[in-house]
Protein backbone atom coordinates (compact mmCIF):
# COMPACT_ATOMS: atom_id res chain seq x y z
CA MET A 1 -14.59 -13.11 -1.90
CA ASN A 2 -13.92 -9.60 -0.62
CA GLU A 3 -16.52 -9.70 2.13
CA HIS A 4 -14.51 -12.29 4.06
CA ILE A 5 -11.45 -10.05 4.12
CA PHE A 6 -13.35 -7.00 5.32
CA GLY A 7 -15.24 -9.07 7.89
CA THR A 8 -11.99 -10.42 9.31
CA ILE A 9 -10.44 -6.97 9.51
CA LYS A 10 -13.54 -5.35 10.97
CA ARG A 11 -14.66 -7.96 13.49
CA GLN A 12 -11.56 -9.92 14.48
CA TRP A 13 -9.06 -7.06 14.36
CA GLY A 14 -11.44 -4.36 15.63
CA TYR A 15 -10.81 -2.01 12.71
CA ASN A 16 -14.21 -0.29 12.74
CA HIS A 17 -13.18 3.24 11.85
CA THR A 18 -10.22 5.16 10.51
CA ASN A 19 -7.95 7.20 12.74
CA LEU A 20 -7.13 9.78 10.08
CA THR A 21 -9.27 12.19 8.07
CA GLY A 22 -9.12 13.06 4.39
CA LEU A 23 -9.34 10.78 1.39
CA GLU A 24 -5.60 10.46 0.78
CA LYS A 25 -4.82 9.68 4.43
CA VAL A 26 -7.68 7.19 4.76
CA ASN A 27 -6.55 5.45 1.55
CA GLY A 28 -3.04 5.21 2.96
CA GLU A 29 -4.32 3.79 6.24
CA HIS A 30 -6.51 1.29 4.39
CA CYS A 31 -3.61 0.21 2.16
CA LEU A 32 -1.46 -0.37 5.23
CA ILE A 33 -4.17 -2.54 6.85
CA MET A 34 -4.53 -4.56 3.61
CA LEU A 35 -0.76 -5.02 3.42
CA VAL A 36 -0.70 -6.37 6.98
CA TYR A 37 -3.60 -8.69 6.18
CA ASN A 38 -1.81 -10.07 3.12
CA ILE A 39 1.46 -10.58 5.01
CA LYS A 40 -0.32 -12.36 7.88
CA ARG A 41 -2.18 -14.57 5.40
CA SER A 42 1.05 -15.40 3.55
CA ILE A 43 2.72 -16.33 6.83
CA ASN A 44 -0.22 -18.58 7.75
CA ILE A 45 -0.11 -20.32 4.36
CA LEU A 46 3.65 -20.61 3.76
CA GLY A 47 5.27 -20.07 7.13
CA VAL A 48 8.00 -17.56 7.88
CA PRO A 49 11.01 -19.52 6.50
CA ASP A 50 9.34 -20.26 3.15
CA LEU A 51 8.01 -16.73 2.82
CA THR A 52 11.42 -15.16 3.44
CA ALA A 53 13.04 -17.61 1.00
CA LYS A 54 10.50 -16.71 -1.71
CA LEU A 55 10.96 -13.00 -1.09
CA LYS A 56 14.75 -13.33 -1.40
CA LYS A 57 14.39 -15.22 -4.71
CA TRP A 58 11.76 -12.84 -6.10
CA ASN A 59 12.88 -10.82 -9.10
CA SER A 60 10.85 -7.65 -9.49
CA PRO A 61 9.31 -7.07 -12.94
CA TYR A 62 9.58 -3.32 -12.29
CA LYS A 63 12.95 -2.08 -13.40
CA ALA A 64 14.70 1.15 -12.54
CA LYS A 65 13.19 2.89 -15.59
CA VAL A 66 9.70 2.54 -14.19
CA LEU A 67 10.77 3.87 -10.80
CA VAL A 68 12.45 6.87 -12.41
CA LEU A 69 9.35 7.50 -14.50
CA LEU A 70 7.15 7.37 -11.41
CA LYS A 71 9.42 9.74 -9.52
CA THR A 72 9.61 12.24 -12.38
CA SER A 73 5.85 12.21 -12.95
CA TYR A 74 5.28 12.70 -9.22
CA LEU A 75 7.77 15.58 -9.19
CA LYS A 76 6.13 17.10 -12.25
CA LEU A 77 2.70 16.99 -10.61
CA ASN A 78 4.05 18.59 -7.44
CA LEU A 79 5.80 21.34 -9.39
CA GLU A 80 2.66 22.08 -11.39
CA TYR A 81 0.67 22.30 -8.17
CA TYR A 82 3.28 24.56 -6.58
CA PHE A 83 3.48 26.94 -9.53
CA TYR A 84 -0.30 26.99 -9.86
CA GLN A 85 -0.58 28.03 -6.21
CA THR A 86 2.01 30.80 -6.56
CA LYS A 87 0.34 32.35 -9.64
CA ILE A 88 -2.87 33.07 -7.80
């Protein structure tokens, strides 16, 4: 199933290489390409009016607690990295 997606992105869209370097940047670029692919596919299947209606009705299962937890864990990791760098 996955080979079709990568074939479409590589051959029809001309995405043969990444523009950025480094694992984190390449992962971000790849995630953005996959997001665009999924949005284009959703538009082709549902159409723009139905897709926007479904997105407006969608109720996220992720509540504010999860977002706060993600932000605090991200901040904690950054602080640990910063203090580790300053100790050396």
